[in-house]
Amino acid sequence: MLSLSVQFFRSTLLPAAIVLLFGLALFAVSARIWLPGDMAAPAPVG
């Protein structure tokens, strides 16, 4: 029984989580396009 759930996790949930995380990271990076120019710039250090 346990091996079946581990197999389901490895074959279904883990790839879906990886794709979802990649999509979230891609959205976070591409969202900078729609930000105003002063917000898209890096934060001042000094």
PDB file of N, CA and C in Angstrom:
ATOM      1  N   MET A   1       0.816  -1.206   0.000  1.00  0.00           N
ATOM      2  CA  MET A   1       0.000   0.000   0.000  1.00  0.00           C
ATOM      3  C   MET A   1       0.853   1.261   0.000  1.00  0.00           C
ATOM      4  N   LEU A   2       1.896   1.246   0.842  1.00  0.00           N
ATOM      5  CA  LEU A   2       2.751   2.426   0.951  1.00  0.00           C
ATOM      6  C   LEU A   2       3.493   2.689  -0.349  1.00  0.00           C
ATOM      7  N   SER A   3       3.960   1.617  -1.000  1.00  0.00           N
ATOM      8  CA  SER A   3       4.697   1.813  -2.247  1.00  0.00           C
ATOM      9  C   SER A   3       3.799   2.381  -3.346  1.00  0.00           C
ATOM     10  N   LEU A   4       2.506   2.073  -3.283  1.00  0.00           N
ATOM     11  CA  LEU A   4       1.584   2.614  -4.274  1.00  0.00           C
ATOM     12  C   LEU A   4       1.433   4.120  -4.107  1.00  0.00           C
ATOM     13  N   SER A   5       1.357   4.583  -2.875  1.00  0.00           N
ATOM     14  CA  SER A   5       1.232   6.020  -2.651  1.00  0.00           C
ATOM     15  C   SER A   5       2.529   6.745  -2.996  1.00  0.00           C
ATOM     16  N   VAL A   6       3.664   6.126  -2.725  1.00  0.00           N
ATOM     17  CA  VAL A   6       4.945   6.739  -3.097  1.00  0.00           C
ATOM     18  C   VAL A   6       5.073   6.797  -4.611  1.00  0.00           C
ATOM     19  N   GLN A   7       4.626   5.747  -5.282  1.00  0.00           N
ATOM     20  CA  GLN A   7       4.667   5.733  -6.747  1.00  0.00           C
ATOM     21  C   GLN A   7       3.743   6.804  -7.321  1.00  0.00           C
ATOM     22  N   PHE A   8       2.563   6.982  -6.721  1.00  0.00           N
ATOM     23  CA  PHE A   8       1.643   8.031  -7.167  1.00  0.00           C
ATOM     24  C   PHE A   8       2.249   9.408  -6.949  1.00  0.00           C
ATOM     25  N   PHE A   9       2.928   9.591  -5.812  1.00  0.00           N
ATOM     26  CA  PHE A   9       3.570  10.871  -5.517  1.00  0.00           C
ATOM     27  C   PHE A   9       4.667  11.171  -6.520  1.00  0.00           C
ATOM     28  N   ARG A  10       5.483  10.166  -6.817  1.00  0.00           N
ATOM     29  CA  ARG A  10       6.603  10.383  -7.746  1.00  0.00           C
ATOM     30  C   ARG A  10       6.139  10.578  -9.180  1.00  0.00           C
ATOM     31  N   SER A  11       5.080   9.894  -9.575  1.00  0.00           N
ATOM     32  CA  SER A  11       4.678   9.951 -10.983  1.00  0.00           C
ATOM     33  C   SER A  11       3.685  11.061 -11.276  1.00  0.00           C
ATOM     34  N   THR A  12       2.966  11.547 -10.274  1.00  0.00           N
ATOM     35  CA  THR A  12       1.909  12.521 -10.526  1.00  0.00           C
ATOM     36  C   THR A  12       2.122  13.828  -9.777  1.00  0.00           C
ATOM     37  N   LEU A  13       2.257  13.766  -8.475  1.00  0.00           N
ATOM     38  CA  LEU A  13       2.302  14.984  -7.680  1.00  0.00           C
ATOM     39  C   LEU A  13       3.623  15.723  -7.813  1.00  0.00           C
ATOM     40  N   LEU A  14       4.727  14.994  -7.826  1.00  0.00           N
ATOM     41  CA  LEU A  14       6.030  15.651  -7.902  1.00  0.00           C
ATOM     42  C   LEU A  14       6.240  16.393  -9.223  1.00  0.00           C
ATOM     43  N   PRO A  15       5.968  15.789 -10.385  1.00  0.00           N
ATOM     44  CA  PRO A  15       6.088  16.578 -11.620  1.00  0.00           C
ATOM     45  C   PRO A  15       5.119  17.754 -11.683  1.00  0.00           C
ATOM     46  N   ALA A  16       3.912  17.579 -11.159  1.00  0.00           N
ATOM     47  CA  ALA A  16       2.961  18.688 -11.159  1.00  0.00           C
ATOM     48  C   ALA A  16       3.455  19.823 -10.269  1.00  0.00           C
ATOM     49  N   ALA A  17       4.052  19.478  -9.132  1.00  0.00           N
ATOM     50  CA  ALA A  17       4.579  20.511  -8.241  1.00  0.00           C
ATOM     51  C   ALA A  17       5.760  21.235  -8.882  1.00  0.00           C
ATOM     52  N   ILE A  18       6.605  20.499  -9.606  1.00  0.00           N
ATOM     53  CA  ILE A  18       7.754  21.118 -10.267  1.00  0.00           C
ATOM     54  C   ILE A  18       7.285  22.073 -11.362  1.00  0.00           C
ATOM     55  N   VAL A  19       6.317  21.644 -12.155  1.00  0.00           N
ATOM     56  CA  VAL A  19       5.793  22.493 -13.229  1.00  0.00           C
ATOM     57  C   VAL A  19       5.102  23.718 -12.647  1.00  0.00           C
ATOM     58  N   LEU A  20       4.361  23.528 -11.556  1.00  0.00           N
ATOM     59  CA  LEU A  20       3.679  24.647 -10.920  1.00  0.00           C
ATOM     60  C   LEU A  20       4.682  25.645 -10.353  1.00  0.00           C
ATOM     61  N   LEU A  21       5.748  25.137  -9.741  1.00  0.00           N
ATOM     62  CA  LEU A  21       6.772  26.024  -9.203  1.00  0.00           C
ATOM     63  C   LEU A  21       7.492  26.777 -10.312  1.00  0.00           C
ATOM     64  N   PHE A  22       7.771  26.093 -11.418  1.00  0.00           N
ATOM     65  CA  PHE A  22       8.404  26.753 -12.554  1.00  0.00           C
ATOM     66  C   PHE A  22       7.502  27.841 -13.130  1.00  0.00           C
ATOM     67  N   GLY A  23       6.218  27.537 -13.239  1.00  0.00           N
ATOM     68  CA  GLY A  23       5.278  28.529 -13.748  1.00  0.00           C
ATOM     69  C   GLY A  23       5.159  29.729 -12.831  1.00  0.00           C
ATOM     70  N   LEU A  24       5.193  29.485 -11.523  1.00  0.00           N
ATOM     71  CA  LEU A  24       5.133  30.584 -10.567  1.00  0.00           C
ATOM     72  C   LEU A  24       6.380  31.461 -10.657  1.00  0.00           C
ATOM     73  N   ALA A  25       7.542  30.828 -10.803  1.00  0.00           N
ATOM     74  CA  ALA A  25       8.780  31.594 -10.942  1.00  0.00           C
ATOM     75  C   ALA A  25       8.790  32.384 -12.254  1.00  0.00           C
ATOM     76  N   LEU A  26       8.293  31.783 -13.311  1.00  0.00           N
ATOM     77  CA  LEU A  26       8.227  32.483 -14.600  1.00  0.00           C
ATOM     78  C   LEU A  26       7.285  33.671 -14.519  1.00  0.00           C
ATOM     79  N   PHE A  27       6.162  33.512 -13.820  1.00  0.00           N
ATOM     80  CA  PHE A  27       5.227  34.619 -13.646  1.00  0.00           C
ATOM     81  C   PHE A  27       5.852  35.733 -12.806  1.00  0.00           C
ATOM     82  N   ALA A  28       6.577  35.363 -11.761  1.00  0.00           N
ATOM     83  CA  ALA A  28       7.184  36.373 -10.896  1.00  0.00           C
ATOM     84  C   ALA A  28       8.241  37.175 -11.645  1.00  0.00           C
ATOM     85  N   VAL A  29       8.990  36.518 -12.512  1.00  0.00           N
ATOM     86  CA  VAL A  29      10.021  37.220 -13.269  1.00  0.00           C
ATOM     87  C   VAL A  29       9.394  38.079 -14.365  1.00  0.00           C
ATOM     88  N   SER A  30       8.383  37.539 -15.046  1.00  0.00           N
ATOM     89  CA  SER A  30       7.791  38.294 -16.145  1.00  0.00           C
ATOM     90  C   SER A  30       6.862  39.391 -15.652  1.00  0.00           C
ATOM     91  N   ALA A  31       6.450  39.364 -14.399  1.00  0.00           N
ATOM     92  CA  ALA A  31       5.580  40.413 -13.866  1.00  0.00           C
ATOM     93  C   ALA A  31       6.314  41.745 -13.773  1.00  0.00           C
ATOM     94  N   ARG A  32       7.641  41.720 -13.792  1.00  0.00           N
ATOM     95  CA  ARG A  32       8.418  42.965 -13.754  1.00  0.00           C
ATOM     96  C   ARG A  32       8.177  43.818 -14.995  1.00  0.00           C
ATOM     97  N   ILE A  33       7.699  43.210 -16.076  1.00  0.00           N
ATOM     98  CA  ILE A  33       7.449  43.960 -17.310  1.00  0.00           C
ATOM     99  C   ILE A  33       6.357  45.003 -17.084  1.00  0.00           C
ATOM    100  N   TRP A  34       5.325  44.635 -16.300  1.00  0.00           N
ATOM    101  CA  TRP A  34       4.182  45.531 -16.123  1.00  0.00           C
ATOM    102  C   TRP A  34       4.345  46.482 -14.944  1.00  0.00           C
ATOM    103  N   LEU A  35       5.426  46.356 -14.190  1.00  0.00           N
ATOM    104  CA  LEU A  35       5.653  47.277 -13.080  1.00  0.00           C
ATOM    105  C   LEU A  35       6.093  48.630 -13.617  1.00  0.00           C
ATOM    106  N   PRO A  36       5.824  49.693 -12.899  1.00  0.00           N
ATOM    107  CA  PRO A  36       6.404  50.984 -13.282  1.00  0.00           C
ATOM    108  C   PRO A  36       7.930  50.913 -13.236  1.00  0.00           C
ATOM    109  N   GLY A  37       8.578  51.772 -13.992  1.00  0.00           N
ATOM    110  CA  GLY A  37      10.029  51.707 -14.112  1.00  0.00           C
ATOM    111  C   GLY A  37      10.769  51.853 -12.801  1.00  0.00           C
ATOM    112  N   ASP A  38      10.261  52.693 -11.897  1.00  0.00           N
ATOM    113  CA  ASP A  38      10.980  52.886 -10.649  1.00  0.00           C
ATOM    114  C   ASP A  38      10.815  51.697  -9.710  1.00  0.00           C
ATOM    115  N   MET A  39       9.733  50.921  -9.883  1.00  0.00           N
ATOM    116  CA  MET A  39       9.557  49.759  -9.029  1.00  0.00           C
ATOM    117  C   MET A  39      10.319  48.544  -9.562  1.00  0.00           C
ATOM    118  N   ALA A  40      10.567  48.519 -10.866  1.00  0.00           N
ATOM    119  CA  ALA A  40      11.260  47.391 -11.453  1.00  0.00           C
ATOM    120  C   ALA A  40      12.769  47.481 -11.227  1.00  0.00           C
ATOM    121  N   ALA A  41      13.260  48.656 -10.845  1.00  0.00           N
ATOM    122  CA  ALA A  41      14.689  48.817 -10.617  1.00  0.00           C
ATOM    123  C   ALA A  41      15.083  48.148  -9.300  1.00  0.00           C
ATOM    124  N   PRO A  42      16.333  47.732  -9.191  1.00  0.00           N
ATOM    125  CA  PRO A  42      16.783  47.147  -7.921  1.00  0.00           C
ATOM    126  C   PRO A  42      16.728  48.188  -6.793  1.00  0.00           C
ATOM    127  N   ALA A  43      16.593  47.691  -5.596  1.00  0.00           N
ATOM    128  CA  ALA A  43      16.520  48.573  -4.439  1.00  0.00           C
ATOM    129  C   ALA A  43      17.873  49.257  -4.235  1.00  0.00           C
ATOM    130  N   PRO A  44      17.874  50.524  -3.850  1.00  0.00           N
ATOM    131  CA  PRO A  44      19.149  51.205  -3.587  1.00  0.00           C
ATOM    132  C   PRO A  44      19.837  50.610  -2.359  1.00  0.00           C
ATOM    133  N   VAL A  45      21.144  50.458  -2.451  1.00  0.00           N
ATOM    134  CA  VAL A  45      21.897  49.831  -1.367  1.00  0.00           C
ATOM    135  C   VAL A  45      22.196  50.836  -0.279  1.00  0.00           C
ATOM    136  N   GLY A  46      22.653  52.028  -0.661  1.00  0.00           N
ATOM    137  CA  GLY A  46      23.060  53.023   0.338  1.00  0.00           C
ATOM    138  C   GLY A  46      21.900  53.856   0.767  1.00  0.00           C
TER     139      GLY A  46
END
